[in-house]
Protein backbone atom coordinates (compact mmCIF):
# COMPACT_ATOMS: atom_id res chain seq x y z
CA MET A 1 -17.41 -22.07 1.29
CA ASP A 2 -20.88 -23.47 0.47
CA SER A 3 -21.95 -23.32 -3.14
CA LYS A 4 -24.42 -20.71 -4.37
CA LYS A 5 -26.90 -20.70 -7.20
CA LEU A 6 -25.81 -18.32 -9.95
CA PHE A 7 -28.92 -16.13 -9.58
CA GLU A 8 -28.03 -15.61 -5.88
CA ILE A 9 -24.73 -13.92 -6.68
CA LEU A 10 -25.66 -11.95 -9.81
CA PRO A 11 -26.72 -8.47 -8.64
CA ASP A 12 -30.10 -7.27 -9.91
CA PHE A 13 -28.58 -4.00 -11.11
CA LEU A 14 -25.87 -5.70 -13.18
CA GLU A 15 -26.64 -5.50 -16.88
CA HIS A 16 -25.76 -8.82 -18.46
CA LYS A 17 -26.59 -11.33 -21.15
CA LEU A 18 -27.17 -14.88 -19.93
CA LEU A 19 -26.73 -17.99 -22.07
CA GLY A 20 -27.61 -21.05 -20.00
CA SER A 21 -29.25 -21.55 -16.62
CA ASP A 22 -29.01 -19.13 -13.71
CA ARG A 23 -29.88 -22.07 -11.42
CA VAL A 24 -26.47 -23.68 -11.89
CA ASP A 25 -24.38 -24.21 -8.75
CA VAL A 26 -21.26 -22.08 -8.29
CA CYS A 27 -18.81 -23.56 -5.80
CA GLY A 28 -15.93 -21.12 -6.27
CA LEU A 29 -14.58 -18.13 -8.18
CA ALA A 30 -11.35 -17.92 -10.18
CA MET A 31 -9.55 -15.44 -12.42
CA ASP A 32 -6.70 -17.88 -13.12
CA SER A 33 -7.71 -20.86 -15.24
CA ARG A 34 -5.06 -22.96 -13.51
CA THR A 35 -6.97 -22.75 -10.20
CA VAL A 36 -10.36 -23.74 -11.67
CA GLN A 37 -12.11 -26.79 -10.18
CA ASN A 38 -15.43 -28.47 -10.90
CA GLY A 39 -18.28 -26.00 -10.42
CA THR A 40 -16.09 -22.89 -10.48
CA MET A 41 -17.13 -19.61 -12.08
CA PHE A 42 -14.23 -18.53 -14.27
CA VAL A 43 -13.94 -14.75 -14.65
CA ALA A 44 -12.26 -13.70 -17.91
CA VAL A 45 -10.59 -10.33 -17.34
CA SER A 46 -8.96 -8.24 -20.05
CA GLY A 47 -5.74 -7.33 -18.23
CA LEU A 48 -2.85 -5.08 -19.17
CA ASN A 49 -0.59 -7.99 -20.07
CA VAL A 50 -2.84 -11.05 -20.23
CA ASP A 51 -6.37 -11.46 -21.60
CA GLY A 52 -8.36 -14.03 -19.62
CA HIS A 53 -10.60 -14.63 -22.62
CA ASN A 54 -7.74 -16.61 -24.14
CA PHE A 55 -8.05 -19.16 -21.31
CA VAL A 56 -11.81 -19.78 -21.33
CA ASP A 57 -11.47 -23.18 -23.03
CA GLN A 58 -8.79 -24.24 -20.56
CA ALA A 59 -11.03 -23.21 -17.65
CA ILE A 60 -13.98 -25.19 -19.08
CA GLN A 61 -11.79 -28.28 -19.53
CA LYS A 62 -10.88 -28.03 -15.84
CA GLY A 63 -14.54 -27.99 -14.81
CA ALA A 64 -15.81 -24.39 -14.92
CA SER A 65 -19.61 -24.44 -14.83
CA VAL A 66 -20.01 -20.70 -15.42
CA VAL A 67 -17.90 -18.24 -17.41
CA LEU A 68 -18.17 -14.50 -16.79
CA LEU A 69 -16.77 -12.59 -19.76
CA GLU A 70 -16.92 -9.49 -21.91
CA LYS A 71 -16.70 -11.13 -25.36
CA MET A 72 -18.75 -14.20 -26.22
CA PRO A 73 -16.76 -16.93 -28.00
CA THR A 74 -17.86 -17.98 -31.46
CA GLN A 75 -18.25 -21.56 -30.29
CA LEU A 76 -20.06 -22.35 -27.01
CA SER A 77 -19.47 -25.41 -24.85
CA GLU A 78 -22.46 -27.54 -23.96
CA GLY A 79 -23.49 -27.54 -20.31
CA VAL A 80 -21.67 -24.29 -19.52
CA THR A 81 -23.48 -21.08 -18.56
CA TYR A 82 -22.09 -17.87 -20.05
CA VAL A 83 -22.63 -14.45 -18.46
CA GLN A 84 -21.62 -11.54 -20.68
CA VAL A 85 -21.03 -8.16 -19.02
CA GLU A 86 -19.51 -4.88 -20.14
CA ASP A 87 -16.64 -5.04 -17.62
CA SER A 88 -15.69 -8.30 -15.90
CA LYS A 89 -13.57 -6.57 -13.25
CA LEU A 90 -16.46 -4.32 -12.23
CA ALA A 91 -18.92 -7.20 -12.08
CA LEU A 92 -16.50 -9.40 -10.14
CA GLY A 93 -16.37 -7.03 -7.15
CA PHE A 94 -20.11 -7.33 -6.56
CA ILE A 95 -20.21 -11.05 -7.38
CA ALA A 96 -17.33 -11.90 -5.04
CA SER A 97 -18.98 -9.95 -2.24
CA ALA A 98 -22.27 -11.81 -2.75
CA PHE A 99 -20.59 -15.23 -3.06
CA PHE A 100 -18.93 -14.78 0.34
CA ASP A 101 -22.16 -13.43 1.93
CA HIS A 102 -21.15 -9.75 1.94
CA PRO A 103 -18.53 -10.06 4.71
CA SER A 104 -17.54 -6.37 4.60
CA LYS A 105 -21.06 -5.42 5.74
CA GLN A 106 -20.48 -7.43 8.91
CA LEU A 107 -17.11 -5.82 9.70
CA ASN A 108 -16.00 -2.36 10.77
CA LEU A 109 -13.99 -1.75 7.61
CA VAL A 110 -11.37 1.01 7.35
CA GLY A 111 -9.71 1.79 4.01
CA ILE A 112 -6.56 3.91 3.83
CA THR A 113 -5.42 5.55 0.60
CA GLY A 114 -2.77 8.10 -0.38
CA THR A 115 0.71 8.10 -1.85
CA ASN A 116 2.66 7.66 1.38
CA GLY A 117 1.81 6.43 4.86
CA LYS A 118 -0.74 3.74 3.94
CA SER A 119 1.23 0.75 5.18
CA THR A 120 2.43 2.39 8.37
CA THR A 121 -0.96 3.81 9.33
CA ALA A 122 -2.74 0.53 8.56
CA THR A 123 -0.20 -1.56 10.50
CA LEU A 124 -0.18 0.83 13.48
CA MET A 125 -3.98 0.67 13.56
CA PHE A 126 -3.96 -3.13 13.41
CA ASN A 127 -1.34 -3.41 16.16
CA LEU A 128 -3.14 -0.92 18.39
CA TRP A 129 -6.44 -2.80 18.03
CA ARG A 130 -4.67 -5.97 19.11
CA MET A 131 -3.21 -4.16 22.14
CA MET A 132 -6.75 -3.08 23.01
CA GLY A 133 -8.02 -6.67 22.81
CA VAL A 134 -9.94 -6.09 19.58
CA ARG A 135 -10.09 -9.01 17.14
CA ALA A 136 -8.83 -7.40 13.94
CA GLY A 137 -7.62 -8.09 10.42
CA LEU A 138 -5.05 -6.38 8.20
CA LEU A 139 -4.55 -6.16 4.45
CA SER A 140 -1.35 -4.25 3.69
CA THR A 141 1.54 -4.04 1.25
CA ILE A 142 3.55 -6.13 3.69
CA LYS A 143 1.13 -8.85 4.78
CA TYR A 144 -2.44 -10.07 5.20
CA ALA A 145 -3.09 -11.03 8.82
CA TYR A 146 -5.76 -11.98 11.36
CA GLY A 147 -5.70 -14.15 14.49
CA ASP A 148 -2.65 -16.41 14.25
CA TYR A 149 -2.70 -16.29 10.44
CA GLU A 150 -0.17 -14.32 8.41
CA GLU A 151 0.52 -14.33 4.68
CA SER A 152 3.07 -12.28 2.77
CA ALA A 153 1.24 -9.83 0.53
CA THR A 154 1.44 -10.14 -3.25
CA HIS A 155 -0.32 -6.81 -3.88
CA THR A 156 -0.98 -3.70 -1.81
CA THR A 157 -4.67 -4.45 -2.36
CA PRO A 158 -5.47 -8.01 -3.53
CA ASP A 159 -8.13 -8.91 -6.10
CA ALA A 160 -11.83 -8.94 -5.21
CA ILE A 161 -11.97 -12.72 -4.74
CA LYS A 162 -9.02 -12.71 -2.35
CA ILE A 163 -10.32 -9.70 -0.40
CA ASN A 164 -13.75 -11.20 0.21
CA SER A 165 -12.32 -14.66 0.93
CA LEU A 166 -10.02 -13.15 3.57
CA PHE A 167 -12.87 -11.13 5.07
CA ALA A 168 -15.00 -14.28 5.31
CA GLN A 169 -12.17 -16.10 7.09
CA MET A 170 -11.71 -13.13 9.43
CA LEU A 171 -15.39 -13.30 10.41
CA LYS A 172 -15.02 -17.01 11.17
CA GLU A 173 -12.10 -16.12 13.44
CA GLY A 174 -14.32 -13.65 15.29
CA CYS A 175 -12.84 -10.47 13.82
CA THR A 176 -14.92 -7.32 14.21
CA HIS A 177 -12.57 -4.74 12.68
CA VAL A 178 -10.41 -4.70 9.54
CA VAL A 179 -8.01 -2.09 8.19
CA MET A 180 -6.77 -2.27 4.61
CA GLU A 181 -4.62 -0.29 2.23
CA VAL A 182 -6.50 0.83 -0.86
CA SER A 183 -4.18 1.50 -3.80
CA SER A 184 -5.04 3.64 -6.81
CA HIS A 185 -4.51 0.56 -9.01
CA ALA A 186 -7.07 -1.36 -6.95
CA ILE A 187 -9.65 1.42 -7.21
CA ASP A 188 -9.07 1.82 -10.95
CA GLN A 189 -9.38 -1.94 -11.48
CA TYR A 190 -12.56 -2.18 -9.35
CA ARG A 191 -10.98 -4.56 -6.82
CA THR A 192 -12.81 -2.78 -3.99
CA LYS A 193 -16.22 -2.64 -5.71
CA GLY A 194 -18.95 -4.08 -3.52
CA LEU A 195 -17.05 -3.38 -0.28
CA ASP A 196 -18.86 -1.54 2.51
CA PHE A 197 -16.35 0.93 3.98
CA ASP A 198 -17.19 2.49 7.34
CA ILE A 199 -14.17 4.80 7.22
CA ALA A 200 -11.90 5.99 4.41
CA VAL A 201 -8.66 7.79 5.23
CA PHE A 202 -6.66 10.05 2.91
CA THR A 203 -3.01 10.48 3.96
CA ASN A 204 -1.46 12.63 1.19
CA LEU A 205 -0.91 12.78 -2.54
CA SER A 206 2.25 13.23 -4.59
CA HIS A 207 3.85 12.17 -7.87
CA ASP A 208 3.50 8.40 -8.25
CA HIS A 209 2.15 5.71 -10.61
CA ILE A 210 1.93 8.16 -13.52
CA GLY A 211 3.19 5.39 -15.80
CA TYR A 212 0.04 3.41 -15.02
CA HIS A 213 -2.55 6.19 -14.75
CA GLY A 214 -1.23 8.31 -17.62
CA SER A 215 -1.52 11.62 -15.79
CA PHE A 216 -1.51 13.08 -12.29
CA LEU A 217 -5.17 14.06 -12.75
CA ASN A 218 -6.14 10.44 -13.46
CA TYR A 219 -4.19 9.38 -10.36
CA ILE A 220 -6.07 11.95 -8.23
CA ASN A 221 -9.43 10.88 -9.65
CA ALA A 222 -8.69 7.23 -8.92
CA LYS A 223 -8.07 8.02 -5.25
CA LYS A 224 -11.13 10.25 -5.11
CA LYS A 225 -13.48 7.41 -6.14
CA LEU A 226 -13.01 5.80 -2.74
CA PHE A 227 -14.56 8.87 -1.10
CA ASP A 228 -17.18 9.48 -3.79
CA GLU A 229 -18.68 6.06 -3.10
CA LEU A 230 -18.86 6.24 0.71
CA LYS A 231 -22.29 5.81 2.28
CA LYS A 232 -23.89 8.66 4.25
CA ASP A 233 -23.23 7.19 7.70
CA ALA A 234 -19.56 6.51 6.93
CA PHE A 235 -16.62 8.78 7.80
CA ALA A 236 -14.08 10.40 5.49
CA ILE A 237 -10.91 11.29 7.41
CA VAL A 238 -8.51 13.51 5.45
CA ASN A 239 -5.14 15.11 6.08
CA GLU A 240 -6.09 18.78 5.93
CA ASP A 241 -2.44 19.82 5.58
CA ASP A 242 -2.41 18.27 2.10
CA PRO A 243 -4.04 20.60 -0.45
CA LYS A 244 -5.50 17.62 -2.35
CA SER A 245 -7.67 16.76 0.65
CA GLU A 246 -10.27 19.27 -0.55
CA ILE A 247 -10.57 17.43 -3.87
CA MET A 248 -11.00 14.09 -2.11
CA ILE A 249 -14.07 15.22 -0.18
CA GLN A 250 -15.82 17.15 -2.95
CA ASN A 251 -19.25 15.53 -3.43
CA CYS A 252 -18.53 13.10 -0.58
CA ALA A 253 -21.75 12.12 1.23
CA ALA A 254 -19.99 10.81 4.36
CA HIS A 255 -19.22 12.67 7.59
CA ILE A 256 -16.00 14.66 7.04
CA LYS A 257 -13.26 14.69 9.70
CA THR A 258 -9.85 16.34 9.34
CA TYR A 259 -6.44 15.89 10.93
CA GLY A 260 -3.15 17.73 10.66
CA LEU A 261 -0.19 19.46 12.25
CA ARG A 262 -0.48 22.85 10.58
CA SER A 263 -4.20 23.41 10.02
CA MET A 264 -7.04 23.93 12.48
CA SER A 265 -8.25 20.36 12.19
CA ASP A 266 -10.68 18.18 14.13
CA PHE A 267 -7.65 16.19 15.25
CA LYS A 268 -4.90 18.74 15.78
CA GLY A 269 -1.37 17.62 16.55
CA LYS A 270 1.79 19.46 17.45
CA ILE A 271 5.31 18.05 17.50
CA LEU A 272 7.02 19.02 20.76
CA SER A 273 10.30 17.25 19.99
CA ASN A 274 11.63 15.11 17.14
CA THR A 275 14.92 13.22 17.56
CA LEU A 276 16.44 9.90 16.57
CA GLU A 277 15.15 8.62 19.91
CA GLY A 278 11.53 9.42 19.04
CA LEU A 279 8.71 11.96 19.01
CA ALA A 280 6.88 13.95 21.65
CA ILE A 281 3.44 14.98 20.41
CA ARG A 282 0.52 16.98 21.73
CA LEU A 283 -2.76 15.68 20.28
CA ASN A 284 -5.94 17.63 21.03
CA GLY A 285 -4.28 18.93 24.19
CA ILE A 286 -2.93 15.57 25.43
CA GLU A 287 0.82 14.88 25.34
CA PHE A 288 2.49 11.54 24.66
CA HIS A 289 5.90 10.20 23.62
CA THR A 290 6.63 7.53 21.01
CA ALA A 291 9.74 5.73 19.81
CA LEU A 292 8.58 6.37 16.23
CA VAL A 293 10.62 9.04 14.47
CA GLY A 294 9.71 11.82 12.06
CA GLU A 295 6.95 14.24 11.19
CA TYR A 296 5.22 11.75 8.89
CA ASN A 297 4.87 9.32 11.81
CA ALA A 298 3.18 12.10 13.75
CA TYR A 299 0.65 12.27 10.92
CA ASN A 300 0.27 8.47 10.94
CA LEU A 301 -0.38 8.37 14.69
CA ILE A 302 -2.90 11.20 14.55
CA ALA A 303 -4.72 9.41 11.71
CA VAL A 304 -4.89 6.25 13.86
CA TYR A 305 -6.41 8.21 16.74
CA ALA A 306 -8.91 9.85 14.38
CA ILE A 307 -10.04 6.40 13.18
CA LEU A 308 -10.58 5.26 16.75
CA ASP A 309 -12.53 8.42 17.56
CA CYS A 310 -14.86 7.93 14.60
CA LEU A 311 -15.44 4.34 15.73
CA GLY A 312 -16.23 5.52 19.26
CA MET A 313 -13.10 3.85 20.66
CA ALA A 314 -10.94 6.88 21.50
CA SER A 315 -9.94 7.91 25.01
CA GLU A 316 -7.01 9.36 26.96
CA GLU A 317 -6.05 5.78 27.80
CA VAL A 318 -5.86 4.97 24.09
CA ILE A 319 -3.58 7.95 23.50
CA SER A 320 -1.24 6.51 26.13
CA LYS A 321 -1.24 3.21 24.21
CA LEU A 322 -0.02 5.08 21.13
CA SER A 323 3.26 5.48 23.04
CA SER A 324 3.78 1.72 23.04
CA LEU A 325 3.47 1.21 19.29
CA LYS A 326 6.55 -0.08 17.51
CA GLY A 327 7.67 0.87 14.02
CA VAL A 328 6.73 -0.97 10.83
CA ASP A 329 9.12 -3.15 8.84
CA GLY A 330 11.02 -1.13 6.26
CA ARG A 331 9.56 2.22 7.34
CA PHE A 332 12.33 4.25 8.98
CA GLU A 333 13.61 0.97 10.39
CA MET A 334 16.82 1.57 12.30
CA VAL A 335 19.98 -0.53 12.62
CA VAL A 336 22.34 1.12 15.10
CA ASN A 337 26.03 0.44 15.74
CA GLN A 338 26.07 1.53 19.39
CA LYS A 339 29.86 1.48 19.66
CA LYS A 340 30.44 3.91 16.78
CA LYS A 341 27.02 5.57 17.14
CA ILE A 342 26.30 5.03 13.45
CA PHE A 343 22.60 5.09 12.64
CA GLY A 344 21.49 2.96 9.68
CA ILE A 345 17.98 3.63 8.41
CA VAL A 346 16.01 1.52 5.91
CA ASP A 347 12.97 3.17 4.36
CA TYR A 348 10.56 2.24 1.59
CA ALA A 349 10.73 5.78 0.14
CA HIS A 350 10.47 5.09 -3.60
CA THR A 351 8.80 8.29 -4.80
CA PRO A 352 10.27 11.81 -4.97
CA ASP A 353 7.90 13.05 -2.27
CA ALA A 354 8.61 10.15 0.09
CA LEU A 355 12.37 10.44 -0.40
CA GLU A 356 12.29 14.18 0.17
CA LYS A 357 10.19 13.76 3.31
CA VAL A 358 12.45 11.14 4.85
CA LEU A 359 15.62 13.11 4.05
CA GLU A 360 14.13 16.37 5.32
CA ASN A 361 13.14 14.57 8.49
CA ILE A 362 16.68 13.26 8.97
CA GLN A 363 18.07 16.73 8.30
CA SER A 364 15.73 18.21 10.92
CA ILE A 365 16.87 15.84 13.66
CA LYS A 366 20.54 15.26 12.91
CA ARG A 367 23.32 17.25 14.49
CA LYS A 368 25.47 19.52 12.32
CA ASP A 369 28.50 17.27 12.78
CA GLN A 370 26.64 14.16 11.66
CA LYS A 371 27.36 13.00 8.14
CA LEU A 372 24.43 11.71 6.04
CA VAL A 373 25.08 9.08 3.35
CA THR A 374 22.16 8.04 1.13
CA VAL A 375 21.85 4.89 -1.01
CA ILE A 376 19.10 5.24 -3.63
CA GLY A 377 17.93 3.60 -6.85
CA CYS A 378 14.81 3.61 -9.03
CA GLY A 379 12.70 0.68 -10.20
CA GLY A 380 12.81 -0.56 -13.77
CA ASN A 381 9.75 -0.61 -16.07
CA ARG A 382 8.13 2.14 -14.00
CA ASP A 383 7.71 5.93 -14.25
CA ARG A 384 10.98 7.17 -15.77
CA THR A 385 10.29 10.87 -15.15
CA LYS A 386 10.94 10.54 -11.42
CA ARG A 387 14.46 9.12 -11.85
CA PRO A 388 16.38 12.41 -12.30
CA VAL A 389 14.13 14.05 -9.71
CA MET A 390 14.98 11.47 -7.05
CA ALA A 391 18.70 11.69 -7.77
CA LYS A 392 18.55 15.47 -7.39
CA ILE A 393 16.70 15.18 -4.07
CA ALA A 394 19.31 12.73 -2.76
CA ALA A 395 22.11 15.06 -3.88
CA LYS A 396 20.52 18.16 -2.38
CA LEU A 397 19.77 16.65 1.03
CA SER A 398 22.75 14.31 1.59
CA ASP A 399 26.44 14.85 2.31
CA GLN A 400 27.29 11.91 0.08
CA PHE A 401 25.04 9.65 -1.98
CA ILE A 402 25.30 6.45 -3.97
CA LEU A 403 23.19 5.72 -7.04
CA THR A 404 22.50 1.99 -7.20
CA ASN A 405 20.25 -0.80 -8.35
CA ASP A 406 16.66 -1.10 -7.05
CA ASN A 407 14.34 -3.58 -8.80
CA PRO A 408 15.59 -3.26 -12.39
CA ARG A 409 13.04 -5.81 -13.63
CA THR A 410 13.72 -6.12 -17.38
CA GLU A 411 15.65 -2.85 -17.79
CA ASN A 412 19.40 -2.45 -17.92
CA PRO A 413 20.42 -1.15 -14.44
CA GLU A 414 23.12 1.07 -15.93
CA SER A 415 20.54 2.76 -18.18
CA ILE A 416 18.39 3.50 -15.12
CA LEU A 417 21.40 5.06 -13.39
CA ASP A 418 22.14 7.10 -16.53
CA GLU A 419 18.64 8.59 -16.36
CA MET A 420 18.99 9.31 -12.64
CA GLU A 421 22.31 11.03 -13.24
CA LYS A 422 20.72 13.40 -15.77
CA GLY A 423 19.15 15.23 -12.83
CA LEU A 424 22.54 16.17 -11.39
CA THR A 425 24.75 19.19 -11.96
CA ASP A 426 28.53 18.77 -11.99
CA GLU A 427 28.58 20.27 -8.49
CA TYR A 428 26.19 17.61 -7.18
CA LYS A 429 28.20 14.85 -8.87
CA LYS A 430 31.20 15.67 -6.66
CA ASN A 431 29.42 13.93 -3.77
CA MET A 432 28.13 11.04 -5.87
CA LEU A 433 29.23 7.45 -6.25
CA ARG A 434 27.68 5.15 -8.82
CA ILE A 435 27.61 1.47 -7.82
CA ALA A 436 25.07 -0.70 -9.62
CA ASP A 437 25.52 -3.67 -7.26
CA ARG A 438 23.18 -2.86 -4.35
CA SER A 439 25.01 -5.01 -1.79
CA LEU A 440 28.31 -3.34 -2.68
CA ALA A 441 26.64 0.07 -2.55
CA ILE A 442 25.43 -0.56 1.01
CA LYS A 443 28.84 -1.88 2.07
CA THR A 444 30.46 1.22 0.57
CA ALA A 445 28.03 3.51 2.44
CA VAL A 446 29.07 1.84 5.70
CA MET A 447 32.74 2.34 4.82
CA LEU A 448 32.08 6.04 4.13
CA ALA A 449 30.28 6.49 7.45
CA ASN A 450 32.39 7.99 10.20
CA GLU A 451 31.47 8.00 13.89
CA ASN A 452 27.95 9.43 14.51
CA ALA A 453 27.08 9.20 10.81
CA ILE A 454 23.64 8.41 9.45
CA ILE A 455 23.10 6.02 6.51
CA LEU A 456 19.81 5.99 4.64
CA VAL A 457 19.10 3.00 2.40
CA ALA A 458 15.96 3.97 0.51
CA GLY A 459 13.56 2.47 -2.01
CA LYS A 460 12.92 -1.16 -1.07
CA GLY A 461 12.07 -1.10 2.63
CA HIS A 462 10.37 -4.33 3.72
CA GLU A 463 11.02 -6.17 0.43
CA LYS A 464 13.05 -9.35 0.74
CA TYR A 465 13.96 -9.62 -2.93
CA GLN A 466 15.20 -7.88 -6.06
CA GLU A 467 13.27 -8.26 -9.30
CA VAL A 468 15.75 -8.97 -12.09
CA ASN A 469 14.70 -10.20 -15.54
CA GLY A 470 11.51 -11.84 -14.29
CA GLU A 471 13.12 -13.44 -11.24
CA LYS A 472 12.76 -12.44 -7.59
CA LEU A 473 16.24 -12.88 -6.16
CA PRO A 474 16.69 -12.88 -2.36
CA PHE A 475 17.77 -9.45 -1.08
CA ASP A 476 17.05 -7.71 2.22
CA ASP A 477 18.26 -4.15 2.88
CA VAL A 478 17.88 -4.55 6.65
CA GLN A 479 19.89 -7.78 6.79
CA MET A 480 22.55 -6.36 4.49
CA LEU A 481 22.86 -3.31 6.71
CA LYS A 482 23.06 -5.46 9.83
CA THR A 483 25.73 -7.68 8.28
CA THR A 484 27.92 -4.76 7.26
CA LEU A 485 27.24 -2.30 10.09
CA LEU A 486 27.10 -4.47 13.23
């Protein structure tokens, strides 16, 4: 990336105090002092766990020519330009966009937000564009991808520097369209500030991330900001079956489009059949079949078609291409023992709503004689209120269930299981096993499964690790299920 003069990347509307020259060259941006090189602008962010202001001196020693910060140090370094702003995170979004020549303005950018369905909808959209010959990019919980490039994701939505850097690279590769997940954390932390969204999609909203946001209302308001800030010629596509969709589009200046299965929406779907072999759907009067399973995948597919329609890319031929889409890693991913007809399912469901939806979906398609065994845990150092709720959902909708380890992080796994168990009556506990070791829990579920049984391993989905005491230890639900079931 060519260097820029500081005045070229500081927005006119950004209130700031400047000490030094605004004619200094900026050759890169960094939030981590360890990645600073000569000529870099170091951005000091006051984070939840780490305060970047504590690393300003280190960044200057490594060659930072400009420091963007909220609190001026008592002692200034000679030859360094200081830019003081009220909120570094907010300023960074606009600065990163300008540094990389506003790449989002040159792309058809689609942002997808909601509690559940973001990853699947984004990945399905990306894959469908590729099938249509469209040069496209993807930013998802699972990976960042464009052309032949793929990178495992570190965040659902990366920081503003990473986003704009990726967008710039996508443009160089000839990309015209990008779809990205937009998390509530990212919106709250201004990671998407300065981005020019052409379409924003709302999938649904349920109990999640309360530990971070403090309340469900704050969580709702974080999501809503994405729609509040849309330009007039953009589109807001919302799931009309979710009651929170009305809140999302209040005061939204964009064109409003709706989709759903139960409401009279602009994009109206109807499930004609739903089995373990797939879905048959009627969408705006046109029928198609897909190997994807479950009502929520019907919603995801309809959302994808709605995006294409708003971009002027929809057609009956495109609907037929929906039939060819494959599932997404860790989202109702199936491992089947054909000999015993045992269906293993791995799903990322890690919230009460997601778990309930996936279990209700299995209940709606399984035969009465099919046994359902669920393996479920809850993450450590996260919202504790959902632990007993999730255990109760597993108990209510499974024939047998196993409480186990998820990502305990720095918490005692047994204490997490204790809190989950508090949601269970003595009657529910009759069908419960408690096995903290996740690999042993999955093996036990396979042992409990008779012919034609269904095993759900929920909570981690695509993740290839377990977070334990600050370490990411290798662990893969899909591989474990394959090893024990096949």
